[in-house]
Amino acid sequence: MMTTRRTSGYRELEHIADWELEVWAPDLASLCEQAALGMYELTGARLVLDKRLKRELEVHALDRESLLVAFLTELLYLGEVEGLGFDMFEISVENNTLRAQLSGAPFKALSKEIKAVTYHNLAINESPSGLEARIVFDV
């Protein structure tokens, strides 16, 4: 029986010391969303469901890999400083600028902490179904 891979998604890969996430999606905006969802899953994030809030975010970078790292780093910052996590995203990317409408809530629980998003072996590659990347997180 042959299984087909969804057009967007993520999965954790085995890594010696840190955490590695493989993400795939049809375009860069969707790839960033899947990376964010996967990052939150790695941390075991659970949100307070009755305290929903919205945020806007804008990041700029020189290339799409740097844009992905800047976006995820900004989400980590909001989690660390304000205790916020997000589970719904409306993302657009144009001319190396990412704009996002975020919907989320304060963290109810986090089981693991990510220190940083790294550039280790980071490359966003074209695939027959869109884009793929592997992201290593320092823990």
C-alpha atoms as a PDB file:
ATOM      1  CA  MET A   1       0.000   0.000   0.000  1.00  0.00           C
ATOM      2  CA  MET A   2       1.413   3.369  -1.002  1.00  0.00           C
ATOM      3  CA  THR A   3       0.918   6.400   1.223  1.00  0.00           C
ATOM      4  CA  THR A   4       0.918   9.934  -0.106  1.00  0.00           C
ATOM      5  CA  ARG A   5       2.432  12.853   1.714  1.00  0.00           C
ATOM      6  CA  ARG A   6       0.183  15.810   2.473  1.00  0.00           C
ATOM      7  CA  THR A   7       0.974  19.006   0.596  1.00  0.00           C
ATOM      8  CA  SER A   8       1.997  20.708   3.867  1.00  0.00           C
ATOM      9  CA  GLY A   9       3.367  19.251   7.048  1.00  0.00           C
ATOM     10  CA  TYR A  10       6.259  18.609   9.385  1.00  0.00           C
ATOM     11  CA  ARG A  11       7.930  15.780  11.236  1.00  0.00           C
ATOM     12  CA  GLU A  12      10.662  15.506  13.822  1.00  0.00           C
ATOM     13  CA  LEU A  13      13.918  13.940  12.677  1.00  0.00           C
ATOM     14  CA  GLU A  14      16.422  12.224  14.920  1.00  0.00           C
ATOM     15  CA  HIS A  15      19.337  14.469  15.863  1.00  0.00           C
ATOM     16  CA  ILE A  16      22.306  13.741  18.133  1.00  0.00           C
ATOM     17  CA  ALA A  17      22.244  16.768  20.463  1.00  0.00           C
ATOM     18  CA  ASP A  18      19.568  19.183  19.262  1.00  0.00           C
ATOM     19  CA  TRP A  19      16.126  18.881  17.655  1.00  0.00           C
ATOM     20  CA  GLU A  20      15.620  18.732  13.914  1.00  0.00           C
ATOM     21  CA  LEU A  21      12.393  19.333  12.069  1.00  0.00           C
ATOM     22  CA  GLU A  22      11.622  18.579   8.438  1.00  0.00           C
ATOM     23  CA  VAL A  23       8.933  20.815   6.927  1.00  0.00           C
ATOM     24  CA  TRP A  24       7.300  20.918   3.522  1.00  0.00           C
ATOM     25  CA  ALA A  25       4.674  23.099   1.866  1.00  0.00           C
ATOM     26  CA  PRO A  26       3.680  24.475  -1.538  1.00  0.00           C
ATOM     27  CA  ASP A  27       5.082  27.981  -0.871  1.00  0.00           C
ATOM     28  CA  LEU A  28       7.256  29.955   1.556  1.00  0.00           C
ATOM     29  CA  ALA A  29       4.358  31.371   3.585  1.00  0.00           C
ATOM     30  CA  SER A  30       2.954  27.881   4.179  1.00  0.00           C
ATOM     31  CA  LEU A  31       6.431  26.531   4.917  1.00  0.00           C
ATOM     32  CA  CYS A  32       6.867  29.150   7.662  1.00  0.00           C
ATOM     33  CA  GLU A  33       3.488  28.213   9.131  1.00  0.00           C
ATOM     34  CA  GLN A  34       4.348  24.500   9.208  1.00  0.00           C
ATOM     35  CA  ALA A  35       7.726  25.289  10.794  1.00  0.00           C
ATOM     36  CA  ALA A  36       6.001  27.309  13.535  1.00  0.00           C
ATOM     37  CA  LEU A  37       3.451  24.573  14.213  1.00  0.00           C
ATOM     38  CA  GLY A  38       6.197  21.955  14.320  1.00  0.00           C
ATOM     39  CA  MET A  39       8.347  24.084  16.624  1.00  0.00           C
ATOM     40  CA  TYR A  40       5.475  24.459  19.090  1.00  0.00           C
ATOM     41  CA  GLU A  41       4.791  20.730  18.951  1.00  0.00           C
ATOM     42  CA  LEU A  42       8.435  19.973  19.764  1.00  0.00           C
ATOM     43  CA  THR A  43       8.131  22.083  22.923  1.00  0.00           C
ATOM     44  CA  GLY A  44       4.905  20.399  23.997  1.00  0.00           C
ATOM     45  CA  ALA A  45       3.188  23.796  24.012  1.00  0.00           C
ATOM     46  CA  ARG A  46      -0.363  23.939  25.302  1.00  0.00           C
ATOM     47  CA  LEU A  47      -2.284  27.203  25.223  1.00  0.00           C
ATOM     48  CA  VAL A  48      -4.887  28.673  27.580  1.00  0.00           C
ATOM     49  CA  LEU A  49      -7.923  28.192  25.348  1.00  0.00           C
ATOM     50  CA  ASP A  50     -10.176  30.887  26.818  1.00  0.00           C
ATOM     51  CA  LYS A  51      -7.675  33.772  26.526  1.00  0.00           C
ATOM     52  CA  ARG A  52      -7.326  34.154  22.758  1.00  0.00           C
ATOM     53  CA  LEU A  53      -5.441  37.127  21.347  1.00  0.00           C
ATOM     54  CA  LYS A  54      -4.130  38.407  18.034  1.00  0.00           C
ATOM     55  CA  ARG A  55      -0.765  39.867  17.099  1.00  0.00           C
ATOM     56  CA  GLU A  56       0.801  41.257  13.955  1.00  0.00           C
ATOM     57  CA  LEU A  57       4.386  40.520  13.067  1.00  0.00           C
ATOM     58  CA  GLU A  58       6.716  41.726  10.329  1.00  0.00           C
ATOM     59  CA  VAL A  59      10.263  40.518   9.693  1.00  0.00           C
ATOM     60  CA  HIS A  60      12.759  41.330   6.944  1.00  0.00           C
ATOM     61  CA  ALA A  61      15.745  39.299   5.749  1.00  0.00           C
ATOM     62  CA  LEU A  62      18.179  38.937   2.862  1.00  0.00           C
ATOM     63  CA  ASP A  63      17.007  35.500   1.728  1.00  0.00           C
ATOM     64  CA  ARG A  64      14.268  32.983   2.425  1.00  0.00           C
ATOM     65  CA  GLU A  65      16.342  30.912   4.887  1.00  0.00           C
ATOM     66  CA  SER A  66      17.069  34.016   6.952  1.00  0.00           C
ATOM     67  CA  LEU A  67      13.400  34.984   6.741  1.00  0.00           C
ATOM     68  CA  LEU A  68      12.368  31.596   8.144  1.00  0.00           C
ATOM     69  CA  VAL A  69      14.882  31.870  10.997  1.00  0.00           C
ATOM     70  CA  ALA A  70      13.835  35.466  11.769  1.00  0.00           C
ATOM     71  CA  PHE A  71      10.151  34.473  11.896  1.00  0.00           C
ATOM     72  CA  LEU A  72      10.706  31.496  14.201  1.00  0.00           C
ATOM     73  CA  THR A  73      13.092  33.507  16.386  1.00  0.00           C
ATOM     74  CA  GLU A  74      10.446  36.214  16.771  1.00  0.00           C
ATOM     75  CA  LEU A  75       7.927  33.567  17.880  1.00  0.00           C
ATOM     76  CA  LEU A  76      10.433  32.224  20.423  1.00  0.00           C
ATOM     77  CA  TYR A  77      10.960  35.767  21.702  1.00  0.00           C
ATOM     78  CA  LEU A  78       7.210  36.302  22.185  1.00  0.00           C
ATOM     79  CA  GLY A  79       7.049  33.015  24.047  1.00  0.00           C
ATOM     80  CA  GLU A  80       9.992  33.788  26.285  1.00  0.00           C
ATOM     81  CA  VAL A  81       9.249  37.438  27.070  1.00  0.00           C
ATOM     82  CA  GLU A  82       5.437  37.512  26.995  1.00  0.00           C
ATOM     83  CA  GLY A  83       4.581  33.844  27.550  1.00  0.00           C
ATOM     84  CA  LEU A  84       2.597  33.689  24.292  1.00  0.00           C
ATOM     85  CA  GLY A  85       2.208  30.913  21.743  1.00  0.00           C
ATOM     86  CA  PHE A  86       0.323  30.861  18.467  1.00  0.00           C
ATOM     87  CA  ASP A  87      -1.638  28.193  16.643  1.00  0.00           C
ATOM     88  CA  MET A  88      -3.242  30.092  13.747  1.00  0.00           C
ATOM     89  CA  PHE A  89      -1.323  32.042  11.125  1.00  0.00           C
ATOM     90  CA  GLU A  90      -2.105  34.200   8.112  1.00  0.00           C
ATOM     91  CA  ILE A  91       1.271  34.755   6.467  1.00  0.00           C
ATOM     92  CA  SER A  92       2.312  36.609   3.344  1.00  0.00           C
ATOM     93  CA  VAL A  93       5.811  36.906   1.921  1.00  0.00           C
ATOM     94  CA  GLU A  94       6.877  39.538  -0.553  1.00  0.00           C
ATOM     95  CA  ASN A  95      10.347  40.888  -1.428  1.00  0.00           C
ATOM     96  CA  ASN A  96      12.069  39.225   1.550  1.00  0.00           C
ATOM     97  CA  THR A  97       9.481  40.628   3.976  1.00  0.00           C
ATOM     98  CA  LEU A  98       7.198  38.334   5.938  1.00  0.00           C
ATOM     99  CA  ARG A  99       3.991  39.712   7.404  1.00  0.00           C
ATOM    100  CA  ALA A 100       1.899  37.582   9.725  1.00  0.00           C
ATOM    101  CA  GLN A 101      -1.413  37.850  11.504  1.00  0.00           C
ATOM    102  CA  LEU A 102      -1.038  35.571  14.520  1.00  0.00           C
ATOM    103  CA  SER A 103      -3.752  34.116  16.695  1.00  0.00           C
ATOM    104  CA  GLY A 104      -2.890  32.419  19.951  1.00  0.00           C
ATOM    105  CA  ALA A 105      -2.938  32.611  23.723  1.00  0.00           C
ATOM    106  CA  PRO A 106      -0.720  32.506  26.789  1.00  0.00           C
ATOM    107  CA  PHE A 107       1.044  29.204  27.389  1.00  0.00           C
ATOM    108  CA  LYS A 108      -0.724  26.844  29.737  1.00  0.00           C
ATOM    109  CA  ALA A 109       2.288  24.527  29.677  1.00  0.00           C
ATOM    110  CA  LEU A 110       5.604  23.952  27.912  1.00  0.00           C
ATOM    111  CA  SER A 111       7.342  20.637  28.454  1.00  0.00           C
ATOM    112  CA  LYS A 112      10.630  21.530  26.706  1.00  0.00           C
ATOM    113  CA  GLU A 113      12.515  24.709  25.874  1.00  0.00           C
ATOM    114  CA  ILE A 114      14.141  25.786  22.623  1.00  0.00           C
ATOM    115  CA  LYS A 115      17.093  28.159  23.081  1.00  0.00           C
ATOM    116  CA  ALA A 116      17.503  29.179  19.441  1.00  0.00           C
ATOM    117  CA  VAL A 117      16.715  28.514  15.807  1.00  0.00           C
ATOM    118  CA  THR A 118      19.986  27.719  14.021  1.00  0.00           C
ATOM    119  CA  TYR A 119      21.321  28.017  10.491  1.00  0.00           C
ATOM    120  CA  HIS A 120      22.999  24.597  10.813  1.00  0.00           C
ATOM    121  CA  ASN A 121      22.555  22.869   7.414  1.00  0.00           C
ATOM    122  CA  LEU A 122      19.535  25.080   6.727  1.00  0.00           C
ATOM    123  CA  ALA A 123      18.476  25.220   3.101  1.00  0.00           C
ATOM    124  CA  ILE A 124      15.048  25.692   1.599  1.00  0.00           C
ATOM    125  CA  ASN A 125      14.906  23.429  -1.434  1.00  0.00           C
ATOM    126  CA  GLU A 126      12.507  23.148  -4.339  1.00  0.00           C
ATOM    127  CA  SER A 127      10.592  19.874  -4.548  1.00  0.00           C
ATOM    128  CA  PRO A 128       7.989  18.549  -6.992  1.00  0.00           C
ATOM    129  CA  SER A 129       5.252  19.647  -4.565  1.00  0.00           C
ATOM    130  CA  GLY A 130       6.748  23.011  -3.500  1.00  0.00           C
ATOM    131  CA  LEU A 131       9.397  23.684  -0.871  1.00  0.00           C
ATOM    132  CA  GLU A 132      11.175  21.580   1.752  1.00  0.00           C
ATOM    133  CA  ALA A 133      13.540  22.473   4.595  1.00  0.00           C
ATOM    134  CA  ARG A 134      15.209  20.975   7.618  1.00  0.00           C
ATOM    135  CA  ILE A 135      15.531  23.197  10.677  1.00  0.00           C
ATOM    136  CA  VAL A 136      17.793  22.499  13.653  1.00  0.00           C
ATOM    137  CA  PHE A 137      16.831  23.956  17.030  1.00  0.00           C
ATOM    138  CA  ASP A 138      19.368  24.478  19.822  1.00  0.00           C
ATOM    139  CA  VAL A 139      17.973  23.064  23.065  1.00  0.00           C
END
